[in-house]
């Protein structure tokens, strides 16, 4: 599979998975969290798909497309663990989280996701869903929507 085909498959799985999760949490109260702003595509999709929810964003730096800059109050700049701890301390509950942190080295990415799993769990609302490109631990794994190749994206219930 070419890198282009692989990227298209990943983006399609991400979009379809987020849409599925947004529908699944429609009856659960809470905010949304995008962990890893990057260019801002996912954040833009989340704010359009869930316009009545507050969408928090965590990233080390703000370097997204100008049309995707989150409101200052919703952008938590810094290392993820302290930012997640801040959300918890302030009493925010996350009903839908998207996990997209990574170094680009599979072993490091998997280890970081596993280490961050408990702190992610601490901010999740009961019944909330985490959509992740990396395996997480301590969550109930869900099948997710039809059509997404196994392992391409992962879905968890808090």
C-alpha atoms as a PDB file:
ATOM      1  CA  UNK A   1       0.000   0.000   0.000  1.00  0.00           C
ATOM      2  CA  UNK A   2       1.390   3.400  -0.940  1.00  0.00           C
ATOM      3  CA  UNK A   3       1.920   6.012   1.762  1.00  0.00           C
ATOM      4  CA  UNK A   4      -0.779   8.129   0.130  1.00  0.00           C
ATOM      5  CA  UNK A   5      -3.285   5.261   0.254  1.00  0.00           C
ATOM      6  CA  UNK A   6      -2.299   4.570   3.853  1.00  0.00           C
ATOM      7  CA  UNK A   7      -2.818   8.218   4.819  1.00  0.00           C
ATOM      8  CA  UNK A   8      -6.206   8.337   3.101  1.00  0.00           C
ATOM      9  CA  UNK A   9      -7.251   5.155   4.875  1.00  0.00           C
ATOM     10  CA  UNK A  10      -6.149   6.640   8.215  1.00  0.00           C
ATOM     11  CA  UNK A  11      -7.972   9.938   7.659  1.00  0.00           C
ATOM     12  CA  UNK A  12     -11.145   8.149   6.590  1.00  0.00           C
ATOM     13  CA  UNK A  13     -10.997   5.862   9.626  1.00  0.00           C
ATOM     14  CA  UNK A  14     -10.391   8.853  11.893  1.00  0.00           C
ATOM     15  CA  UNK A  15     -13.336  10.825  10.479  1.00  0.00           C
ATOM     16  CA  UNK A  16     -15.699   7.853  10.500  1.00  0.00           C
ATOM     17  CA  UNK A  17     -14.627   6.902  14.012  1.00  0.00           C
ATOM     18  CA  UNK A  18     -15.108  10.418  15.361  1.00  0.00           C
ATOM     19  CA  UNK A  19     -18.543  10.675  13.739  1.00  0.00           C
ATOM     20  CA  UNK A  20     -19.521   7.310  15.223  1.00  0.00           C
ATOM     21  CA  UNK A  21     -18.276   8.357  18.677  1.00  0.00           C
ATOM     22  CA  UNK A  22     -20.060  11.732  18.459  1.00  0.00           C
ATOM     23  CA  UNK A  23     -23.320   9.923  17.805  1.00  0.00           C
ATOM     24  CA  UNK A  24     -22.663   7.400  20.585  1.00  0.00           C
ATOM     25  CA  UNK A  25     -22.164  10.098  23.246  1.00  0.00           C
ATOM     26  CA  UNK A  26     -25.146  12.225  22.271  1.00  0.00           C
ATOM     27  CA  UNK A  27     -26.953  11.459  25.545  1.00  0.00           C
ATOM     28  CA  UNK A  28     -23.915  11.866  27.834  1.00  0.00           C
ATOM     29  CA  UNK A  29     -23.052  15.244  29.354  1.00  0.00           C
ATOM     30  CA  UNK A  30     -19.522  16.548  29.098  1.00  0.00           C
ATOM     31  CA  UNK A  31     -16.894  18.290  27.035  1.00  0.00           C
ATOM     32  CA  UNK A  32     -14.722  17.122  24.146  1.00  0.00           C
ATOM     33  CA  UNK A  33     -10.932  16.880  24.168  1.00  0.00           C
ATOM     34  CA  UNK A  34      -8.485  16.793  21.260  1.00  0.00           C
ATOM     35  CA  UNK A  35      -5.071  15.649  22.450  1.00  0.00           C
ATOM     36  CA  UNK A  36      -2.606  16.729  19.797  1.00  0.00           C
ATOM     37  CA  UNK A  37      -3.742  19.760  17.774  1.00  0.00           C
ATOM     38  CA  UNK A  38      -1.191  19.506  14.990  1.00  0.00           C
ATOM     39  CA  UNK A  39      -2.547  21.208  11.866  1.00  0.00           C
ATOM     40  CA  UNK A  40      -6.007  21.485  13.437  1.00  0.00           C
ATOM     41  CA  UNK A  41      -7.970  19.223  11.080  1.00  0.00           C
ATOM     42  CA  UNK A  42      -9.391  17.030  13.846  1.00  0.00           C
ATOM     43  CA  UNK A  43     -10.189  19.989  16.078  1.00  0.00           C
ATOM     44  CA  UNK A  44     -11.977  21.676  13.176  1.00  0.00           C
ATOM     45  CA  UNK A  45     -14.009  18.511  12.554  1.00  0.00           C
ATOM     46  CA  UNK A  46     -14.916  18.127  16.230  1.00  0.00           C
ATOM     47  CA  UNK A  47     -16.098  21.711  16.632  1.00  0.00           C
ATOM     48  CA  UNK A  48     -18.193  21.405  13.469  1.00  0.00           C
ATOM     49  CA  UNK A  49     -19.611  17.994  14.387  1.00  0.00           C
ATOM     50  CA  UNK A  50     -20.311  18.894  18.035  1.00  0.00           C
ATOM     51  CA  UNK A  51     -21.098  22.638  17.943  1.00  0.00           C
ATOM     52  CA  UNK A  52     -22.880  22.608  21.319  1.00  0.00           C
ATOM     53  CA  UNK A  53     -19.931  21.069  23.196  1.00  0.00           C
ATOM     54  CA  UNK A  54     -16.857  22.776  24.552  1.00  0.00           C
ATOM     55  CA  UNK A  55     -13.812  21.407  22.718  1.00  0.00           C
ATOM     56  CA  UNK A  56     -10.595  21.491  24.717  1.00  0.00           C
ATOM     57  CA  UNK A  57      -7.245  21.126  22.968  1.00  0.00           C
ATOM     58  CA  UNK A  58      -3.893  20.073  24.405  1.00  0.00           C
ATOM     59  CA  UNK A  59      -0.604  20.505  22.576  1.00  0.00           C
ATOM     60  CA  UNK A  60       2.943  21.592  23.289  1.00  0.00           C
ATOM     61  CA  UNK A  61       2.835  24.345  20.666  1.00  0.00           C
ATOM     62  CA  UNK A  62       0.193  26.227  18.729  1.00  0.00           C
ATOM     63  CA  UNK A  63       1.113  25.751  15.082  1.00  0.00           C
ATOM     64  CA  UNK A  64      -2.148  24.902  13.370  1.00  0.00           C
ATOM     65  CA  UNK A  65      -3.760  26.355  10.275  1.00  0.00           C
ATOM     66  CA  UNK A  66      -5.000  29.893  11.048  1.00  0.00           C
ATOM     67  CA  UNK A  67      -8.632  28.848  10.523  1.00  0.00           C
ATOM     68  CA  UNK A  68      -8.293  26.170  13.215  1.00  0.00           C
ATOM     69  CA  UNK A  69      -6.952  28.153  16.167  1.00  0.00           C
ATOM     70  CA  UNK A  70      -9.025  27.272  19.237  1.00  0.00           C
ATOM     71  CA  UNK A  71     -10.221  29.992  21.607  1.00  0.00           C
ATOM     72  CA  UNK A  72      -7.463  30.901  24.048  1.00  0.00           C
ATOM     73  CA  UNK A  73      -9.533  29.658  27.005  1.00  0.00           C
ATOM     74  CA  UNK A  74      -9.853  26.192  25.424  1.00  0.00           C
ATOM     75  CA  UNK A  75      -6.220  25.716  24.360  1.00  0.00           C
ATOM     76  CA  UNK A  76      -4.051  24.091  27.020  1.00  0.00           C
ATOM     77  CA  UNK A  77      -0.462  24.583  25.940  1.00  0.00           C
ATOM     78  CA  UNK A  78       2.157  22.390  27.529  1.00  0.00           C
ATOM     79  CA  UNK A  79       2.884  18.818  28.431  1.00  0.00           C
ATOM     80  CA  UNK A  80      -0.189  16.602  28.401  1.00  0.00           C
ATOM     81  CA  UNK A  81      -0.118  15.180  31.926  1.00  0.00           C
ATOM     82  CA  UNK A  82      -0.163  18.549  33.739  1.00  0.00           C
ATOM     83  CA  UNK A  83      -2.855  19.803  31.342  1.00  0.00           C
ATOM     84  CA  UNK A  84      -5.016  16.729  31.974  1.00  0.00           C
ATOM     85  CA  UNK A  85      -4.465  17.147  35.713  1.00  0.00           C
ATOM     86  CA  UNK A  86      -5.604  20.764  35.368  1.00  0.00           C
ATOM     87  CA  UNK A  87      -8.820  19.683  33.632  1.00  0.00           C
ATOM     88  CA  UNK A  88      -9.435  17.183  36.431  1.00  0.00           C
ATOM     89  CA  UNK A  89      -8.694  19.704  39.196  1.00  0.00           C
ATOM     90  CA  UNK A  90     -11.116  22.184  37.608  1.00  0.00           C
ATOM     91  CA  UNK A  91     -13.831  19.513  37.555  1.00  0.00           C
ATOM     92  CA  UNK A  92     -14.217  19.176  33.790  1.00  0.00           C
ATOM     93  CA  UNK A  93     -15.544  15.865  32.509  1.00  0.00           C
ATOM     94  CA  UNK A  94     -14.682  14.703  29.016  1.00  0.00           C
ATOM     95  CA  UNK A  95     -17.299  12.723  27.129  1.00  0.00           C
ATOM     96  CA  UNK A  96     -15.321  12.318  23.887  1.00  0.00           C
ATOM     97  CA  UNK A  97     -11.535  12.358  23.669  1.00  0.00           C
ATOM     98  CA  UNK A  98      -9.307  11.986  20.650  1.00  0.00           C
ATOM     99  CA  UNK A  99      -5.774  10.799  21.406  1.00  0.00           C
ATOM    100  CA  UNK A 100      -3.239  11.720  18.728  1.00  0.00           C
ATOM    101  CA  UNK A 101       0.079  12.210  20.494  1.00  0.00           C
ATOM    102  CA  UNK A 102       3.172  10.548  19.172  1.00  0.00           C
ATOM    103  CA  UNK A 103       6.824  10.679  18.288  1.00  0.00           C
ATOM    104  CA  UNK A 104       6.464   8.679  15.090  1.00  0.00           C
ATOM    105  CA  UNK A 105       8.311   5.706  16.593  1.00  0.00           C
ATOM    106  CA  UNK A 106       5.804   2.934  17.283  1.00  0.00           C
ATOM    107  CA  UNK A 107       7.444   1.564  20.438  1.00  0.00           C
ATOM    108  CA  UNK A 108       7.695   5.041  21.999  1.00  0.00           C
ATOM    109  CA  UNK A 109       4.156   5.936  20.953  1.00  0.00           C
ATOM    110  CA  UNK A 110       2.690   2.768  22.472  1.00  0.00           C
ATOM    111  CA  UNK A 111       4.641   3.254  25.715  1.00  0.00           C
ATOM    112  CA  UNK A 112       3.551   6.903  26.021  1.00  0.00           C
ATOM    113  CA  UNK A 113      -0.104   6.023  25.392  1.00  0.00           C
ATOM    114  CA  UNK A 114       0.011   3.294  28.043  1.00  0.00           C
ATOM    115  CA  UNK A 115       1.650   5.626  30.564  1.00  0.00           C
ATOM    116  CA  UNK A 116      -0.894   8.379  29.906  1.00  0.00           C
ATOM    117  CA  UNK A 117      -3.937   6.096  30.028  1.00  0.00           C
ATOM    118  CA  UNK A 118      -4.657   6.493  33.769  1.00  0.00           C
ATOM    119  CA  UNK A 119      -4.517  10.268  33.616  1.00  0.00           C
ATOM    120  CA  UNK A 120      -6.784  10.286  30.550  1.00  0.00           C
ATOM    121  CA  UNK A 121      -9.201   8.011  32.413  1.00  0.00           C
ATOM    122  CA  UNK A 122      -9.254  10.452  35.331  1.00  0.00           C
ATOM    123  CA  UNK A 123     -10.898  13.192  33.223  1.00  0.00           C
ATOM    124  CA  UNK A 124     -13.350  11.005  31.345  1.00  0.00           C
ATOM    125  CA  UNK A 125     -17.066  11.084  32.077  1.00  0.00           C
ATOM    126  CA  UNK A 126     -18.621   7.715  32.844  1.00  0.00           C
ATOM    127  CA  UNK A 127     -19.718   6.277  29.495  1.00  0.00           C
ATOM    128  CA  UNK A 128     -17.471   8.615  27.534  1.00  0.00           C
ATOM    129  CA  UNK A 129     -15.534   7.407  24.494  1.00  0.00           C
ATOM    130  CA  UNK A 130     -11.864   7.710  23.603  1.00  0.00           C
ATOM    131  CA  UNK A 131     -10.867   7.478  19.942  1.00  0.00           C
ATOM    132  CA  UNK A 132      -7.170   6.704  19.650  1.00  0.00           C
ATOM    133  CA  UNK A 133      -4.489   5.986  17.108  1.00  0.00           C
ATOM    134  CA  UNK A 134      -2.518   4.146  19.812  1.00  0.00           C
ATOM    135  CA  UNK A 135      -3.526   1.347  22.189  1.00  0.00           C
ATOM    136  CA  UNK A 136      -4.619   2.561  25.622  1.00  0.00           C
ATOM    137  CA  UNK A 137      -4.869   0.520  28.820  1.00  0.00           C
ATOM    138  CA  UNK A 138      -7.521   0.372  31.534  1.00  0.00           C
ATOM    139  CA  UNK A 139     -10.479   1.130  29.263  1.00  0.00           C
ATOM    140  CA  UNK A 140     -13.196  -1.103  27.848  1.00  0.00           C
ATOM    141  CA  UNK A 141     -12.295  -1.649  24.197  1.00  0.00           C
ATOM    142  CA  UNK A 142     -15.169  -1.150  21.749  1.00  0.00           C
ATOM    143  CA  UNK A 143     -15.637  -2.520  18.262  1.00  0.00           C
ATOM    144  CA  UNK A 144     -16.208   0.885  16.690  1.00  0.00           C
ATOM    145  CA  UNK A 145     -17.919   1.545  13.386  1.00  0.00           C
ATOM    146  CA  UNK A 146     -18.102  -0.915  10.508  1.00  0.00           C
ATOM    147  CA  UNK A 147     -15.616  -0.467   7.692  1.00  0.00           C
ATOM    148  CA  UNK A 148     -12.582   0.549   9.741  1.00  0.00           C
ATOM    149  CA  UNK A 149      -9.813  -2.017   9.390  1.00  0.00           C
ATOM    150  CA  UNK A 150      -8.936  -3.665  12.695  1.00  0.00           C
ATOM    151  CA  UNK A 151      -6.155  -1.829  14.481  1.00  0.00           C
ATOM    152  CA  UNK A 152      -6.319   1.263  12.243  1.00  0.00           C
ATOM    153  CA  UNK A 153      -8.130   3.218  14.950  1.00  0.00           C
ATOM    154  CA  UNK A 154      -9.044   2.110  18.459  1.00  0.00           C
ATOM    155  CA  UNK A 155     -12.190   2.880  20.434  1.00  0.00           C
ATOM    156  CA  UNK A 156     -12.639   2.753  24.177  1.00  0.00           C
ATOM    157  CA  UNK A 157     -15.393   3.400  26.712  1.00  0.00           C
ATOM    158  CA  UNK A 158     -14.512   5.054  30.003  1.00  0.00           C
END
